[in-house]
Amino acid sequence: MEKAAFLFDLDGVIFDTEGQYTDFWDGIGAEYLDDPHLAARLKGETIATSLLRCFPDDEVTREEVRRKLYDFEAGMKFEYIPGAYEFLVYLKDRGYPTAIVTSSNRDKMAQVYKARPEIRDIVKYTFTGEDFAKSKPDPDCYRLGTGKCGCGPENTFVFEDSFNGLLSGLGAGCKVIALATTNSREAVAPYADLVVDDFSHIAAELEKAFGLKI
């Protein structure tokens, strides 16, 4: 077994949820900010960062939107990106360190665990927006994940879909794999070492791109 660690964003990487978030944040943008395309500017940020960006001087509205988001997330569907579950189990069975590194908060992860309790067992570590000081695209979160997994950035593989997330992984010095689930392959290619559509053939793609045999 080669020494390697694997870090995963959550939405748009493990779960096919970005479309749901686009609908939510575009709705918030239309209702509060006259901006029906708000979601694209926020993807990958922590919730706290996004709320401060949108409502910098309005704590009441920030709290109102936070409550709406909590209610929305309670009703979300968490369907796996094709091959994601199988790949996570494959890594666990072979003893590779894995982590979820998400800008979502712990309330959101509680909803994930309720819908998909198996995630607790197949991913070794989970880091949420409360665990790092700076939001993506800052590399702080992936440096945290890399340090915890103990493989060094040169042996750590980051899976991301948003531009902020991709930049965060690159800034941490990791190998970055972009999933073309939220943005087109052409759009994410400049920010990644490898672009994939999903995890259906990921072991073969990692070996071809990096010589990694897992």
Protein backbone atom coordinates (compact mmCIF):
# COMPACT_ATOMS: atom_id res chain seq x y z
CA MET A 1 0.00 0.00 0.00
CA GLU A 2 1.37 3.38 -0.98
CA LYS A 3 1.44 6.12 1.64
CA ALA A 4 -1.40 8.52 0.83
CA ALA A 5 -4.28 10.41 2.44
CA PHE A 6 -7.57 11.45 0.86
CA LEU A 7 -9.52 14.60 1.75
CA PHE A 8 -13.02 15.24 0.47
CA ASP A 9 -15.25 18.25 0.28
CA LEU A 10 -18.85 17.27 1.03
CA ASP A 11 -21.39 18.96 -1.23
CA GLY A 12 -20.87 18.28 -4.90
CA VAL A 13 -18.14 15.75 -4.07
CA ILE A 14 -19.56 13.05 -1.80
CA PHE A 15 -23.20 14.10 -2.09
CA ASP A 16 -25.08 15.48 -5.07
CA THR A 17 -26.43 18.48 -3.19
CA GLU A 18 -25.05 21.54 -4.95
CA GLY A 19 -28.17 21.98 -7.06
CA GLN A 20 -30.25 22.17 -3.90
CA TYR A 21 -27.94 24.80 -2.44
CA THR A 22 -28.02 26.78 -5.67
CA ASP A 23 -31.81 26.96 -5.44
CA PHE A 24 -31.66 28.03 -1.79
CA TRP A 25 -29.02 30.74 -2.12
CA ASP A 26 -30.37 32.09 -5.40
CA GLY A 27 -33.73 32.36 -3.64
CA ILE A 28 -32.13 34.24 -0.74
CA GLY A 29 -30.36 36.52 -3.21
CA ALA A 30 -33.59 37.29 -5.04
CA GLU A 31 -35.54 37.89 -1.82
CA TYR A 32 -33.03 40.01 0.07
CA LEU A 33 -30.44 41.36 -2.34
CA ASP A 34 -32.03 41.62 -5.78
CA ASP A 35 -29.47 39.05 -6.93
CA PRO A 36 -31.04 35.84 -8.30
CA HIS A 37 -27.59 34.39 -9.09
CA LEU A 38 -26.07 34.72 -5.63
CA ALA A 39 -25.14 31.06 -5.15
CA ALA A 40 -22.28 31.04 -7.64
CA ARG A 41 -20.39 33.66 -5.64
CA LEU A 42 -20.69 31.79 -2.35
CA LYS A 43 -19.84 28.19 -3.22
CA GLY A 44 -17.11 26.76 -1.03
CA GLU A 45 -17.31 29.46 1.66
CA THR A 46 -18.23 28.82 5.27
CA ILE A 47 -21.76 29.82 6.22
CA ALA A 48 -20.45 32.53 8.55
CA THR A 49 -18.34 34.02 5.76
CA SER A 50 -21.22 33.98 3.29
CA LEU A 51 -23.63 35.62 5.72
CA LEU A 52 -21.14 38.35 6.56
CA ARG A 53 -20.47 38.91 2.88
CA CYS A 54 -24.17 39.27 2.10
CA PHE A 55 -25.33 41.14 5.21
CA PRO A 56 -22.27 42.80 6.73
CA ASP A 57 -24.19 45.28 8.89
CA ASP A 58 -27.39 43.37 9.56
CA GLU A 59 -27.13 40.77 12.31
CA VAL A 60 -30.90 40.32 12.43
CA THR A 61 -31.07 39.29 8.79
CA ARG A 62 -28.02 37.06 9.15
CA GLU A 63 -29.76 35.16 11.92
CA GLU A 64 -33.00 35.00 9.94
CA VAL A 65 -31.25 33.50 6.92
CA ARG A 66 -29.29 31.13 9.15
CA ARG A 67 -32.57 29.77 10.53
CA LYS A 68 -33.97 29.38 7.02
CA LEU A 69 -30.84 27.48 6.01
CA TYR A 70 -31.14 25.18 9.03
CA ASP A 71 -34.75 24.38 8.14
CA PHE A 72 -33.82 23.86 4.49
CA GLU A 73 -30.98 21.48 5.31
CA ALA A 74 -33.29 19.43 7.53
CA GLY A 75 -35.26 18.51 4.41
CA MET A 76 -32.38 17.98 1.97
CA LYS A 77 -31.77 14.79 0.04
CA PHE A 78 -28.28 13.34 0.37
CA GLU A 79 -27.72 11.18 -2.69
CA TYR A 80 -24.17 9.97 -3.29
CA ILE A 81 -22.17 11.13 -6.28
CA PRO A 82 -21.73 7.96 -8.42
CA GLY A 83 -18.97 5.79 -6.97
CA ALA A 84 -18.35 8.00 -3.92
CA TYR A 85 -19.65 5.56 -1.31
CA GLU A 86 -17.83 2.63 -2.87
CA PHE A 87 -14.56 4.57 -3.03
CA LEU A 88 -14.78 5.64 0.60
CA VAL A 89 -15.39 2.05 1.69
CA TYR A 90 -12.50 0.88 -0.51
CA LEU A 91 -10.14 3.35 1.18
CA LYS A 92 -11.35 2.44 4.68
CA ASP A 93 -10.93 -1.28 4.06
CA ARG A 94 -7.33 -0.68 2.98
CA GLY A 95 -6.44 1.54 5.92
CA TYR A 96 -5.96 4.85 4.11
CA PRO A 97 -6.60 7.97 6.24
CA THR A 98 -9.59 9.94 4.98
CA ALA A 99 -11.31 13.16 6.01
CA ILE A 100 -14.28 15.28 5.10
CA VAL A 101 -13.22 18.94 4.91
CA THR A 102 -16.38 20.97 4.50
CA SER A 103 -17.33 24.61 4.86
CA SER A 104 -20.69 23.48 6.22
CA ASN A 105 -21.24 23.65 9.97
CA ARG A 106 -21.87 21.01 12.61
CA ASP A 107 -25.64 21.49 12.40
CA LYS A 108 -25.44 20.47 8.75
CA MET A 109 -23.30 17.44 9.58
CA ALA A 110 -25.92 16.37 12.11
CA GLN A 111 -28.42 16.28 9.24
CA VAL A 112 -25.97 14.29 7.13
CA TYR A 113 -25.45 11.73 9.90
CA LYS A 114 -29.19 11.43 10.35
CA ALA A 115 -29.72 10.71 6.65
CA ARG A 116 -26.49 8.76 6.06
CA PRO A 117 -25.27 7.32 9.39
CA GLU A 118 -22.72 5.12 7.64
CA ILE A 119 -20.57 8.18 6.94
CA ARG A 120 -19.49 8.23 10.60
CA ASP A 121 -17.88 4.84 10.18
CA ILE A 122 -16.31 5.03 6.74
CA VAL A 123 -14.59 8.44 7.01
CA LYS A 124 -11.96 8.77 9.73
CA TYR A 125 -12.06 12.53 10.35
CA THR A 126 -14.58 15.30 9.73
CA PHE A 127 -13.70 19.00 9.80
CA THR A 128 -16.42 21.65 9.52
CA GLY A 129 -16.35 25.41 9.17
CA GLU A 130 -16.05 25.78 12.94
CA ASP A 131 -12.73 23.93 12.90
CA PHE A 132 -10.66 26.36 10.83
CA ALA A 133 -10.08 30.07 11.23
CA LYS A 134 -10.25 31.07 7.56
CA SER A 135 -12.74 30.08 4.88
CA LYS A 136 -11.84 28.49 1.56
CA PRO A 137 -10.09 29.60 -0.69
CA ASP A 138 -7.61 30.01 2.15
CA PRO A 139 -5.64 26.74 2.51
CA ASP A 140 -6.09 26.62 6.30
CA CYS A 141 -8.70 23.84 6.22
CA TYR A 142 -6.68 21.51 4.00
CA ARG A 143 -3.52 22.15 5.97
CA LEU A 144 -5.48 21.06 9.03
CA GLY A 145 -6.68 17.92 7.29
CA THR A 146 -3.25 17.09 5.91
CA GLY A 147 -1.64 17.49 9.31
CA LYS A 148 -4.23 15.28 10.99
CA CYS A 149 -3.89 12.54 8.38
CA GLY A 150 -0.10 12.72 8.66
CA CYS A 151 0.95 12.08 5.07
CA GLY A 152 2.28 15.48 4.04
CA PRO A 153 0.72 17.53 1.23
CA GLU A 154 2.75 15.82 -1.48
CA ASN A 155 0.99 12.54 -0.61
CA THR A 156 -2.45 14.00 0.06
CA PHE A 157 -5.22 13.97 -2.56
CA VAL A 158 -7.97 16.59 -2.32
CA PHE A 159 -11.33 16.15 -4.05
CA GLU A 160 -13.21 19.38 -4.70
CA ASP A 161 -15.84 20.88 -7.00
CA SER A 162 -15.95 24.62 -6.25
CA PHE A 163 -13.36 27.17 -7.33
CA ASN A 164 -12.83 28.26 -3.72
CA GLY A 165 -12.25 24.66 -2.69
CA LEU A 166 -9.89 23.91 -5.55
CA LEU A 167 -7.81 26.98 -4.74
CA SER A 168 -7.73 25.94 -1.09
CA GLY A 169 -6.35 22.50 -1.94
CA LEU A 170 -3.75 23.91 -4.29
CA GLY A 171 -2.69 26.47 -1.71
CA ALA A 172 -2.11 23.67 0.79
CA GLY A 173 0.27 22.02 -1.69
CA CYS A 174 -1.90 18.93 -2.19
CA LYS A 175 -2.70 16.97 -5.32
CA VAL A 176 -6.09 18.31 -6.39
CA ILE A 177 -8.80 16.38 -8.21
CA ALA A 178 -11.72 18.42 -9.51
CA LEU A 179 -15.14 16.87 -9.88
CA ALA A 180 -17.05 18.38 -12.78
CA THR A 181 -20.31 18.17 -10.86
CA THR A 182 -20.88 21.87 -10.17
CA ASN A 183 -18.78 23.52 -12.89
CA SER A 184 -17.74 22.35 -16.34
CA ARG A 185 -14.59 20.32 -16.95
CA GLU A 186 -13.14 23.22 -18.95
CA ALA A 187 -13.80 25.69 -16.14
CA VAL A 188 -12.18 23.67 -13.36
CA ALA A 189 -9.26 22.23 -15.34
CA PRO A 190 -6.89 25.20 -14.73
CA TYR A 191 -7.31 24.70 -10.97
CA ALA A 192 -6.73 20.96 -10.74
CA ASP A 193 -4.17 18.24 -11.40
CA LEU A 194 -6.92 15.92 -12.60
CA VAL A 195 -10.57 16.37 -13.61
CA VAL A 196 -13.13 13.57 -13.24
CA ASP A 197 -16.88 13.35 -13.71
CA ASP A 198 -17.42 11.12 -10.66
CA PHE A 199 -15.76 8.24 -8.80
CA SER A 200 -16.80 5.44 -11.14
CA HIS A 201 -13.25 4.74 -12.36
CA ILE A 202 -11.27 6.72 -9.83
CA ALA A 203 -8.62 4.11 -8.94
CA ALA A 204 -7.59 3.75 -12.59
CA GLU A 205 -7.65 7.53 -13.11
CA LEU A 206 -5.43 8.13 -10.06
CA GLU A 207 -2.94 5.55 -11.27
CA LYS A 208 -2.84 7.03 -14.76
CA ALA A 209 -2.49 10.63 -13.56
CA PHE A 210 -0.20 10.18 -10.58
CA GLY A 211 1.17 6.63 -10.75
CA LEU A 212 -0.72 5.94 -7.51
CA LYS A 213 -1.63 2.30 -6.98
CA ILE A 214 -4.21 1.89 -4.25
